[in-house]
Each structure stands twice: as C-alpha cells, then as structure tokens.
Amino acid sequence: MTTNDNDRASRPDDANPEWTRDEVRDARPALEVFKELFGPEAAEMVKRGRGRPAKGDKKVNQTLRLDVDVLDAYRQNGRGWQALMNRVLRAHMPGVGK
C-alpha cells in the first residue's frame, strides 16, 4: 500500500493498525464471530439475505409499444405515472367489471 502524508487514511493508526498477511489469512466471516459472541439466535436475527427483499406484489418487466401522445399524457402527471397507467389498465381489463 502506498502512503501519502496528506491522506489521513494512509497515516499509521495505533487504534486500527494495518492487517498483516497472517491476520488476513486467518480472518473469519463476521457472522461466524458474532454467533460465538452473542449466540446463534442473535446471529440469525442480524443475518441478511441476498439482494432486495421480495415484494408481495410482483411486477413484470414488459416491452409495450404505445403512441407517443398516450405516453406523454401519462408522463405529464409527474411521479407515479406508471402506477396510474397500471390502475387505468386494471380498470379496463377484459372480463373485469363488465
């Protein structure tokens, strides 16, 4: 690691010294250490899953060809125009409300 005297992160820090190769080699996952210190129940509580949590109302990414004036009319409503379009389409679904 190159050091730069003007960069605080590059200066030696007694409270948080740079790791040696042996320390890096012997490092363990934080969750494993947390489990030893606080128990498996606590570790399970702080464990995170991968990615964003799943939503109950899943959406599908679909390409749809629309006339420019139709799209512009919805976009003029500002934030939430896609949700508005979804509500209008839902209200006019074939077989619903007729």
PDB file of N, CA and C in Angstrom:
ATOM      1  N   MET A   1       0.858  -1.181   0.000  1.00  0.00           N
ATOM      2  CA  MET A   1       0.000   0.000   0.000  1.00  0.00           C
ATOM      3  C   MET A   1       0.893   1.229   0.000  1.00  0.00           C
ATOM      4  N   THR A   2       0.637   2.141  -0.907  1.00  0.00           N
ATOM      5  CA  THR A   2       1.428   3.360  -0.947  1.00  0.00           C
ATOM      6  C   THR A   2       0.902   4.326   0.093  1.00  0.00           C
ATOM      7  N   THR A   3       1.799   5.100   0.664  1.00  0.00           N
ATOM      8  CA  THR A   3       1.387   6.060   1.681  1.00  0.00           C
ATOM      9  C   THR A   3       1.504   7.465   1.123  1.00  0.00           C
ATOM     10  N   ASN A   4       0.630   8.310   1.583  1.00  0.00           N
ATOM     11  CA  ASN A   4       0.611   9.705   1.197  1.00  0.00           C
ATOM     12  C   ASN A   4       0.469  10.498   2.487  1.00  0.00           C
ATOM     13  N   ASP A   5       1.427  11.351   2.784  1.00  0.00           N
ATOM     14  CA  ASP A   5       1.416  12.091   4.049  1.00  0.00           C
ATOM     15  C   ASP A   5       0.206  13.009   4.182  1.00  0.00           C
ATOM     16  N   ASN A   6      -0.387  13.408   3.079  1.00  0.00           N
ATOM     17  CA  ASN A   6      -1.534  14.315   3.135  1.00  0.00           C
ATOM     18  C   ASN A   6      -2.856  13.580   3.319  1.00  0.00           C
ATOM     19  N   ASP A   7      -2.849  12.275   3.164  1.00  0.00           N
ATOM     20  CA  ASP A   7      -4.071  11.481   3.249  1.00  0.00           C
ATOM     21  C   ASP A   7      -4.162  10.824   4.620  1.00  0.00           C
ATOM     22  N   ARG A   8      -5.188  11.191   5.418  1.00  0.00           N
ATOM     23  CA  ARG A   8      -5.323  10.642   6.769  1.00  0.00           C
ATOM     24  C   ARG A   8      -5.442   9.126   6.753  1.00  0.00           C
ATOM     25  N   ALA A   9      -6.077   8.572   5.730  1.00  0.00           N
ATOM     26  CA  ALA A   9      -6.253   7.130   5.659  1.00  0.00           C
ATOM     27  C   ALA A   9      -4.931   6.407   5.450  1.00  0.00           C
ATOM     28  N   SER A  10      -3.933   7.110   4.938  1.00  0.00           N
ATOM     29  CA  SER A  10      -2.632   6.486   4.681  1.00  0.00           C
ATOM     30  C   SER A  10      -1.679   6.592   5.865  1.00  0.00           C
ATOM     31  N   ARG A  11      -2.037   7.395   6.856  1.00  0.00           N
ATOM     32  CA  ARG A  11      -1.157   7.547   8.013  1.00  0.00           C
ATOM     33  C   ARG A  11      -1.309   6.375   8.966  1.00  0.00           C
ATOM     34  N   PRO A  12      -0.260   5.992   9.666  1.00  0.00           N
ATOM     35  CA  PRO A  12      -0.374   4.920  10.659  1.00  0.00           C
ATOM     36  C   PRO A  12      -1.404   5.276  11.723  1.00  0.00           C
ATOM     37  N   ASP A  13      -2.113   4.262  12.200  1.00  0.00           N
ATOM     38  CA  ASP A  13      -3.161   4.468  13.190  1.00  0.00           C
ATOM     39  C   ASP A  13      -3.015   3.385  14.249  1.00  0.00           C
ATOM     40  N   ASP A  14      -2.610   3.769  15.456  1.00  0.00           N
ATOM     41  CA  ASP A  14      -2.389   2.785  16.523  1.00  0.00           C
ATOM     42  C   ASP A  14      -3.680   2.078  16.927  1.00  0.00           C
ATOM     43  N   ALA A  15      -4.811   2.777  16.835  1.00  0.00           N
ATOM     44  CA  ALA A  15      -6.073   2.181  17.249  1.00  0.00           C
ATOM     45  C   ALA A  15      -6.590   1.173  16.217  1.00  0.00           C
ATOM     46  N   ASN A  16      -6.144   1.311  14.981  1.00  0.00           N
ATOM     47  CA  ASN A  16      -6.618   0.432  13.912  1.00  0.00           C
ATOM     48  C   ASN A  16      -5.464   0.166  12.950  1.00  0.00           C
ATOM     49  N   PRO A  17      -4.499  -0.647  13.354  1.00  0.00           N
ATOM     50  CA  PRO A  17      -3.320  -0.873  12.517  1.00  0.00           C
ATOM     51  C   PRO A  17      -3.654  -1.674  11.259  1.00  0.00           C
ATOM     52  N   GLU A  18      -2.807  -1.551  10.264  1.00  0.00           N
ATOM     53  CA  GLU A  18      -2.982  -2.297   9.027  1.00  0.00           C
ATOM     54  C   GLU A  18      -2.802  -3.788   9.308  1.00  0.00           C
ATOM     55  N   TRP A  19      -3.607  -4.627   8.674  1.00  0.00           N
ATOM     56  CA  TRP A  19      -3.534  -6.065   8.890  1.00  0.00           C
ATOM     57  C   TRP A  19      -2.288  -6.649   8.241  1.00  0.00           C
ATOM     58  N   THR A  20      -1.769  -7.661   8.897  1.00  0.00           N
ATOM     59  CA  THR A  20      -0.648  -8.404   8.319  1.00  0.00           C
ATOM     60  C   THR A  20      -1.212  -9.496   7.406  1.00  0.00           C
ATOM     61  N   ARG A  21      -0.378 -10.113   6.620  1.00  0.00           N
ATOM     62  CA  ARG A  21      -0.823 -11.213   5.746  1.00  0.00           C
ATOM     63  C   ARG A  21      -1.413 -12.352   6.574  1.00  0.00           C
ATOM     64  N   ASP A  22      -0.788 -12.650   7.711  1.00  0.00           N
ATOM     65  CA  ASP A  22      -1.284 -13.727   8.568  1.00  0.00           C
ATOM     66  C   ASP A  22      -2.677 -13.405   9.111  1.00  0.00           C
ATOM     67  N   GLU A  23      -2.905 -12.150   9.494  1.00  0.00           N
ATOM     68  CA  GLU A  23      -4.213 -11.762  10.011  1.00  0.00           C
ATOM     69  C   GLU A  23      -5.286 -11.860   8.927  1.00  0.00           C
ATOM     70  N   VAL A  24      -4.933 -11.464   7.724  1.00  0.00           N
ATOM     71  CA  VAL A  24      -5.881 -11.568   6.610  1.00  0.00           C
ATOM     72  C   VAL A  24      -6.184 -13.040   6.339  1.00  0.00           C
ATOM     73  N   ARG A  25      -5.154 -13.874   6.332  1.00  0.00           N
ATOM     74  CA  ARG A  25      -5.322 -15.306   6.079  1.00  0.00           C
ATOM     75  C   ARG A  25      -6.223 -15.955   7.137  1.00  0.00           C
ATOM     76  N   ASP A  26      -6.070 -15.561   8.399  1.00  0.00           N
ATOM     77  CA  ASP A  26      -6.803 -16.176   9.499  1.00  0.00           C
ATOM     78  C   ASP A  26      -8.169 -15.526   9.777  1.00  0.00           C
ATOM     79  N   ALA A  27      -8.519 -14.495   9.018  1.00  0.00           N
ATOM     80  CA  ALA A  27      -9.790 -13.784   9.248  1.00  0.00           C
ATOM     81  C   ALA A  27     -10.975 -14.713   9.016  1.00  0.00           C
ATOM     82  N   ARG A  28     -12.047 -14.497   9.796  1.00  0.00           N
ATOM     83  CA  ARG A  28     -13.262 -15.300   9.687  1.00  0.00           C
ATOM     84  C   ARG A  28     -14.435 -14.378   9.361  1.00  0.00           C
ATOM     85  N   PRO A  29     -15.486 -14.933   8.789  1.00  0.00           N
ATOM     86  CA  PRO A  29     -16.665 -14.111   8.492  1.00  0.00           C
ATOM     87  C   PRO A  29     -17.235 -13.480   9.767  1.00  0.00           C
ATOM     88  N   ALA A  30     -17.698 -12.256   9.657  1.00  0.00           N
ATOM     89  CA  ALA A  30     -18.224 -11.524  10.816  1.00  0.00           C
ATOM     90  C   ALA A  30     -19.388 -12.257  11.464  1.00  0.00           C
ATOM     91  N   LEU A  31     -20.252 -12.869  10.667  1.00  0.00           N
ATOM     92  CA  LEU A  31     -21.405 -13.566  11.224  1.00  0.00           C
ATOM     93  C   LEU A  31     -20.974 -14.748  12.087  1.00  0.00           C
ATOM     94  N   GLU A  32     -19.898 -15.400  11.695  1.00  0.00           N
ATOM     95  CA  GLU A  32     -19.367 -16.520  12.475  1.00  0.00           C
ATOM     96  C   GLU A  32     -18.879 -16.044  13.849  1.00  0.00           C
ATOM     97  N   VAL A  33     -18.168 -14.935  13.872  1.00  0.00           N
ATOM     98  CA  VAL A  33     -17.673 -14.370  15.130  1.00  0.00           C
ATOM     99  C   VAL A  33     -18.841 -13.872  15.977  1.00  0.00           C
ATOM    100  N   PHE A  34     -19.818 -13.236  15.328  1.00  0.00           N
ATOM    101  CA  PHE A  34     -20.998 -12.733  16.026  1.00  0.00           C
ATOM    102  C   PHE A  34     -21.729 -13.877  16.714  1.00  0.00           C
ATOM    103  N   LYS A  35     -21.838 -15.013  16.030  1.00  0.00           N
ATOM    104  CA  LYS A  35     -22.513 -16.191  16.594  1.00  0.00           C
ATOM    105  C   LYS A  35     -21.795 -16.679  17.844  1.00  0.00           C
ATOM    106  N   GLU A  36     -20.455 -16.670  17.824  1.00  0.00           N
ATOM    107  CA  GLU A  36     -19.686 -17.094  19.004  1.00  0.00           C
ATOM    108  C   GLU A  36     -19.893 -16.145  20.170  1.00  0.00           C
ATOM    109  N   LEU A  37     -19.925 -14.846  19.884  1.00  0.00           N
ATOM    110  CA  LEU A  37     -20.038 -13.855  20.949  1.00  0.00           C
ATOM    111  C   LEU A  37     -21.444 -13.746  21.524  1.00  0.00           C
ATOM    112  N   PHE A  38     -22.459 -13.800  20.661  1.00  0.00           N
ATOM    113  CA  PHE A  38     -23.821 -13.493  21.102  1.00  0.00           C
ATOM    114  C   PHE A  38     -24.795 -14.657  20.973  1.00  0.00           C
ATOM    115  N   GLY A  39     -24.377 -15.754  20.384  1.00  0.00           N
ATOM    116  CA  GLY A  39     -25.236 -16.924  20.259  1.00  0.00           C
ATOM    117  C   GLY A  39     -25.884 -17.034  18.894  1.00  0.00           C
ATOM    118  N   PRO A  40     -26.325 -18.249  18.557  1.00  0.00           N
ATOM    119  CA  PRO A  40     -26.902 -18.476  17.232  1.00  0.00           C
ATOM    120  C   PRO A  40     -28.209 -17.727  16.978  1.00  0.00           C
ATOM    121  N   GLU A  41     -29.012 -17.513  18.025  1.00  0.00           N
ATOM    122  CA  GLU A  41     -30.280 -16.797  17.837  1.00  0.00           C
ATOM    123  C   GLU A  41     -30.020 -15.353  17.422  1.00  0.00           C
ATOM    124  N   ALA A  42     -29.072 -14.708  18.110  1.00  0.00           N
ATOM    125  CA  ALA A  42     -28.739 -13.321  17.769  1.00  0.00           C
ATOM    126  C   ALA A  42     -28.140 -13.240  16.368  1.00  0.00           C
ATOM    127  N   ALA A  43     -27.310 -14.209  16.011  1.00  0.00           N
ATOM    128  CA  ALA A  43     -26.700 -14.211  14.679  1.00  0.00           C
ATOM    129  C   ALA A  43     -27.768 -14.363  13.602  1.00  0.00           C
ATOM    130  N   GLU A  44     -28.773 -15.187  13.871  1.00  0.00           N
ATOM    131  CA  GLU A  44     -29.857 -15.382  12.901  1.00  0.00           C
ATOM    132  C   GLU A  44     -30.659 -14.096  12.718  1.00  0.00           C
ATOM    133  N   MET A  45     -30.806 -13.324  13.802  1.00  0.00           N
ATOM    134  CA  MET A  45     -31.562 -12.072  13.730  1.00  0.00           C
ATOM    135  C   MET A  45     -30.863 -11.024  12.864  1.00  0.00           C
ATOM    136  N   VAL A  46     -29.533 -10.995  12.872  1.00  0.00           N
ATOM    137  CA  VAL A  46     -28.818  -9.983  12.105  1.00  0.00           C
ATOM    138  C   VAL A  46     -28.424 -10.469  10.721  1.00  0.00           C
ATOM    139  N   LYS A  47     -28.657 -11.742  10.432  1.00  0.00           N
ATOM    140  CA  LYS A  47     -28.294 -12.308   9.136  1.00  0.00           C
ATOM    141  C   LYS A  47     -29.162 -11.701   8.046  1.00  0.00           C
ATOM    142  N   ARG A  48     -28.523 -11.311   6.967  1.00  0.00           N
ATOM    143  CA  ARG A  48     -29.236 -10.728   5.839  1.00  0.00           C
ATOM    144  C   ARG A  48     -29.281 -11.713   4.688  1.00  0.00           C
ATOM    145  N   GLY A  49     -30.370 -11.686   3.962  1.00  0.00           N
ATOM    146  CA  GLY A  49     -30.469 -12.473   2.748  1.00  0.00           C
ATOM    147  C   GLY A  49     -29.794 -11.737   1.599  1.00  0.00           C
ATOM    148  N   ARG A  50     -29.680 -12.391   0.483  1.00  0.00           N
ATOM    149  CA  ARG A  50     -29.062 -11.770  -0.683  1.00  0.00           C
ATOM    150  C   ARG A  50     -30.067 -10.889  -1.401  1.00  0.00           C
ATOM    151  N   GLY A  51     -29.628  -9.729  -1.810  1.00  0.00           N
ATOM    152  CA  GLY A  51     -30.447  -8.848  -2.623  1.00  0.00           C
ATOM    153  C   GLY A  51     -31.560  -8.158  -1.859  1.00  0.00           C
ATOM    154  N   ARG A  52     -32.409  -7.512  -2.599  1.00  0.00           N
ATOM    155  CA  ARG A  52     -33.528  -6.764  -2.049  1.00  0.00           C
ATOM    156  C   ARG A  52     -34.622  -7.735  -1.596  1.00  0.00           C
ATOM    157  N   PRO A  53     -35.293  -7.438  -0.481  1.00  0.00           N
ATOM    158  CA  PRO A  53     -36.383  -8.323  -0.041  1.00  0.00           C
ATOM    159  C   PRO A  53     -37.484  -8.411  -1.102  1.00  0.00           C
ATOM    160  N   ALA A  54     -38.072  -9.590  -1.249  1.00  0.00           N
ATOM    161  CA  ALA A  54     -39.123  -9.787  -2.246  1.00  0.00           C
ATOM    162  C   ALA A  54     -40.389  -9.036  -1.848  1.00  0.00           C
ATOM    163  N   LYS A  55     -41.032  -8.427  -2.822  1.00  0.00           N
ATOM    164  CA  LYS A  55     -42.292  -7.728  -2.595  1.00  0.00           C
ATOM    165  C   LYS A  55     -43.445  -8.688  -2.778  1.00  0.00           C
ATOM    166  N   GLY A  56     -44.535  -8.406  -2.109  1.00  0.00           N
ATOM    167  CA  GLY A  56     -45.719  -9.225  -2.253  1.00  0.00           C
ATOM    168  C   GLY A  56     -46.378  -9.054  -3.612  1.00  0.00           C
ATOM    169  N   ASP A  57     -46.364  -7.811  -4.133  1.00  0.00           N
ATOM    170  CA  ASP A  57     -46.988  -7.536  -5.434  1.00  0.00           C
ATOM    171  C   ASP A  57     -45.903  -7.458  -6.505  1.00  0.00           C
ATOM    172  N   LYS A  58     -45.578  -8.603  -7.073  1.00  0.00           N
ATOM    173  CA  LYS A  58     -44.503  -8.667  -8.058  1.00  0.00           C
ATOM    174  C   LYS A  58     -44.941  -8.021  -9.361  1.00  0.00           C
ATOM    175  N   LYS A  59     -44.006  -7.343  -9.985  1.00  0.00           N
ATOM    176  CA  LYS A  59     -44.244  -6.711 -11.276  1.00  0.00           C
ATOM    177  C   LYS A  59     -43.461  -7.465 -12.340  1.00  0.00           C
ATOM    178  N   VAL A  60     -43.884  -7.334 -13.589  1.00  0.00           N
ATOM    179  CA  VAL A  60     -43.218  -7.962 -14.712  1.00  0.00           C
ATOM    180  C   VAL A  60     -42.703  -6.859 -15.620  1.00  0.00           C
ATOM    181  N   ASN A  61     -41.438  -6.967 -15.998  1.00  0.00           N
ATOM    182  CA  ASN A  61     -40.877  -6.000 -16.935  1.00  0.00           C
ATOM    183  C   ASN A  61     -41.292  -6.419 -18.339  1.00  0.00           C
ATOM    184  N   GLN A  62     -42.097  -5.567 -19.005  1.00  0.00           N
ATOM    185  CA  GLN A  62     -42.656  -5.918 -20.305  1.00  0.00           C
ATOM    186  C   GLN A  62     -42.464  -4.766 -21.273  1.00  0.00           C
ATOM    187  N   THR A  63     -42.021  -5.068 -22.471  1.00  0.00           N
ATOM    188  CA  THR A  63     -41.925  -4.051 -23.514  1.00  0.00           C
ATOM    189  C   THR A  63     -43.312  -3.855 -24.106  1.00  0.00           C
ATOM    190  N   LEU A  64     -43.723  -2.599 -24.241  1.00  0.00           N
ATOM    191  CA  LEU A  64     -45.053  -2.277 -24.738  1.00  0.00           C
ATOM    192  C   LEU A  64     -44.936  -1.096 -25.684  1.00  0.00           C
ATOM    193  N   ARG A  65     -45.482  -1.222 -26.868  1.00  0.00           N
ATOM    194  CA  ARG A  65     -45.428  -0.127 -27.839  1.00  0.00           C
ATOM    195  C   ARG A  65     -46.678   0.730 -27.686  1.00  0.00           C
ATOM    196  N   LEU A  66     -46.454   2.006 -27.398  1.00  0.00           N
ATOM    197  CA  LEU A  66     -47.555   2.948 -27.187  1.00  0.00           C
ATOM    198  C   LEU A  66     -47.403   4.128 -28.124  1.00  0.00           C
ATOM    199  N   ASP A  67     -48.518   4.778 -28.426  1.00  0.00           N
ATOM    200  CA  ASP A  67     -48.442   6.014 -29.194  1.00  0.00           C
ATOM    201  C   ASP A  67     -47.787   7.077 -28.323  1.00  0.00           C
ATOM    202  N   VAL A  68     -47.023   7.953 -28.968  1.00  0.00           N
ATOM    203  CA  VAL A  68     -46.275   8.984 -28.246  1.00  0.00           C
ATOM    204  C   VAL A  68     -47.199   9.875 -27.434  1.00  0.00           C
ATOM    205  N   ASP A  69     -48.328  10.274 -28.015  1.00  0.00           N
ATOM    206  CA  ASP A  69     -49.238  11.180 -27.297  1.00  0.00           C
ATOM    207  C   ASP A  69     -49.847  10.514 -26.059  1.00  0.00           C
ATOM    208  N   VAL A  70     -50.086   9.199 -26.117  1.00  0.00           N
ATOM    209  CA  VAL A  70     -50.621   8.485 -24.954  1.00  0.00           C
ATOM    210  C   VAL A  70     -49.595   8.490 -23.833  1.00  0.00           C
ATOM    211  N   LEU A  71     -48.363   8.141 -24.169  1.00  0.00           N
ATOM    212  CA  LEU A  71     -47.300   8.115 -23.166  1.00  0.00           C
ATOM    213  C   LEU A  71     -47.057   9.507 -22.587  1.00  0.00           C
ATOM    214  N   ASP A  72     -47.023  10.504 -23.439  1.00  0.00           N
ATOM    215  CA  ASP A  72     -46.815  11.876 -22.961  1.00  0.00           C
ATOM    216  C   ASP A  72     -47.921  12.317 -22.005  1.00  0.00           C
ATOM    217  N   ALA A  73     -49.164  11.916 -22.281  1.00  0.00           N
ATOM    218  CA  ALA A  73     -50.285  12.302 -21.420  1.00  0.00           C
ATOM    219  C   ALA A  73     -50.104  11.741 -20.013  1.00  0.00           C
ATOM    220  N   TYR A  74     -49.646  10.510 -19.905  1.00  0.00           N
ATOM    221  CA  TYR A  74     -49.422   9.926 -18.585  1.00  0.00           C
ATOM    222  C   TYR A  74     -48.204  10.542 -17.905  1.00  0.00           C
ATOM    223  N   ARG A  75     -47.145  10.767 -18.667  1.00  0.00           N
ATOM    224  CA  ARG A  75     -45.925  11.343 -18.076  1.00  0.00           C
ATOM    225  C   ARG A  75     -46.158  12.751 -17.539  1.00  0.00           C
ATOM    226  N   GLN A  76     -47.113  13.469 -18.113  1.00  0.00           N
ATOM    227  CA  GLN A  76     -47.404  14.829 -17.641  1.00  0.00           C
ATOM    228  C   GLN A  76     -47.939  14.829 -16.217  1.00  0.00           C
ATOM    229  N   ASN A  77     -48.398  13.687 -15.729  1.00  0.00           N
ATOM    230  CA  ASN A  77     -48.886  13.585 -14.355  1.00  0.00           C
ATOM    231  C   ASN A  77     -47.748  13.593 -13.349  1.00  0.00           C
ATOM    232  N   GLY A  78     -46.510  13.473 -13.809  1.00  0.00           N
ATOM    233  CA  GLY A  78     -45.353  13.508 -12.910  1.00  0.00           C
ATOM    234  C   GLY A  78     -45.108  12.162 -12.254  1.00  0.00           C
ATOM    235  N   ARG A  79     -44.510  12.229 -11.059  1.00  0.00           N
ATOM    236  CA  ARG A  79     -44.165  10.993 -10.342  1.00  0.00           C
ATOM    237  C   ARG A  79     -45.389  10.091 -10.197  1.00  0.00           C
ATOM    238  N   GLY A  80     -45.160   8.803 -10.403  1.00  0.00           N
ATOM    239  CA  GLY A  80     -46.240   7.838 -10.246  1.00  0.00           C
ATOM    240  C   GLY A  80     -47.050   7.608 -11.501  1.00  0.00           C
ATOM    241  N   TRP A  81     -46.566   8.122 -12.640  1.00  0.00           N
ATOM    242  CA  TRP A  81     -47.349   7.954 -13.864  1.00  0.00           C
ATOM    243  C   TRP A  81     -47.460   6.488 -14.270  1.00  0.00           C
ATOM    244  N   GLN A  82     -46.437   5.677 -13.964  1.00  0.00           N
ATOM    245  CA  GLN A  82     -46.522   4.256 -14.317  1.00  0.00           C
ATOM    246  C   GLN A  82     -47.600   3.555 -13.476  1.00  0.00           C
ATOM    247  N   ALA A  83     -47.666   3.893 -12.185  1.00  0.00           N
ATOM    248  CA  ALA A  83     -48.682   3.303 -11.315  1.00  0.00           C
ATOM    249  C   ALA A  83     -50.081   3.737 -11.768  1.00  0.00           C
ATOM    250  N   LEU A  84     -50.221   4.989 -12.191  1.00  0.00           N
ATOM    251  CA  LEU A  84     -51.503   5.473 -12.706  1.00  0.00           C
ATOM    252  C   LEU A  84     -51.906   4.680 -13.940  1.00  0.00           C
ATOM    253  N   MET A  85     -50.961   4.490 -14.850  1.00  0.00           N
ATOM    254  CA  MET A  85     -51.243   3.731 -16.067  1.00  0.00           C
ATOM    255  C   MET A  85     -51.654   2.292 -15.712  1.00  0.00           C
ATOM    256  N   ASN A  86     -50.998   1.710 -14.715  1.00  0.00           N
ATOM    257  CA  ASN A  86     -51.331   0.361 -14.276  1.00  0.00           C
ATOM    258  C   ASN A  86     -52.765   0.302 -13.734  1.00  0.00           C
ATOM    259  N   ARG A  87     -53.161   1.319 -12.954  1.00  0.00           N
ATOM    260  CA  ARG A  87     -54.525   1.349 -12.401  1.00  0.00           C
ATOM    261  C   ARG A  87     -55.570   1.471 -13.520  1.00  0.00           C
ATOM    262  N   VAL A  88     -55.287   2.321 -14.511  1.00  0.00           N
ATOM    263  CA  VAL A  88     -56.223   2.502 -15.625  1.00  0.00           C
ATOM    264  C   VAL A  88     -56.341   1.210 -16.427  1.00  0.00           C
ATOM    265  N   LEU A  89     -55.216   0.566 -16.702  1.00  0.00           N
ATOM    266  CA  LEU A  89     -55.250  -0.701 -17.429  1.00  0.00           C
ATOM    267  C   LEU A  89     -56.006  -1.772 -16.646  1.00  0.00           C
ATOM    268  N   ARG A  90     -55.796  -1.810 -15.316  1.00  0.00           N
ATOM    269  CA  ARG A  90     -56.503  -2.782 -14.470  1.00  0.00           C
ATOM    270  C   ARG A  90     -58.008  -2.545 -14.523  1.00  0.00           C
ATOM    271  N   ALA A  91     -58.421  -1.283 -14.476  1.00  0.00           N
ATOM    272  CA  ALA A  91     -59.840  -0.960 -14.504  1.00  0.00           C
ATOM    273  C   ALA A  91     -60.496  -1.358 -15.819  1.00  0.00           C
ATOM    274  N   HIS A  92     -59.712  -1.447 -16.885  1.00  0.00           N
ATOM    275  CA  HIS A  92     -60.265  -1.769 -18.206  1.00  0.00           C
ATOM    276  C   HIS A  92     -59.811  -3.136 -18.715  1.00  0.00           C
ATOM    277  N   MET A  93     -59.421  -4.014 -17.813  1.00  0.00           N
ATOM    278  CA  MET A  93     -59.042  -5.369 -18.233  1.00  0.00           C
ATOM    279  C   MET A  93     -60.248  -6.091 -18.807  1.00  0.00           C
ATOM    280  N   PRO A  94     -60.028  -6.879 -19.845  1.00  0.00           N
ATOM    281  CA  PRO A  94     -61.160  -7.667 -20.400  1.00  0.00           C
ATOM    282  C   PRO A  94     -61.703  -8.621 -19.334  1.00  0.00           C
ATOM    283  N   GLY A  95     -63.036  -8.656 -19.248  1.00  0.00           N
ATOM    284  CA  GLY A  95     -63.678  -9.584 -18.317  1.00  0.00           C
ATOM    285  C   GLY A  95     -63.799  -9.072 -16.900  1.00  0.00           C
ATOM    286  N   VAL A  96     -63.337  -7.835 -16.621  1.00  0.00           N
ATOM    287  CA  VAL A  96     -63.394  -7.290 -15.268  1.00  0.00           C
ATOM    288  C   VAL A  96     -64.376  -6.125 -15.256  1.00  0.00           C
ATOM    289  N   GLY A  97     -65.347  -6.188 -14.356  1.00  0.00           N
ATOM    290  CA  GLY A  97     -66.275  -5.083 -14.166  1.00  0.00           C
ATOM    291  C   GLY A  97     -67.262  -4.896 -15.300  1.00  0.00           C
ATOM    292  N   LYS A  98     -67.452  -5.903 -16.147  1.00  0.00           N
ATOM    293  CA  LYS A  98     -68.403  -5.730 -17.259  1.00  0.00           C
ATOM    294  C   LYS A  98     -69.486  -6.759 -17.179  1.00  0.00           C
TER     295      LYS A  98
END
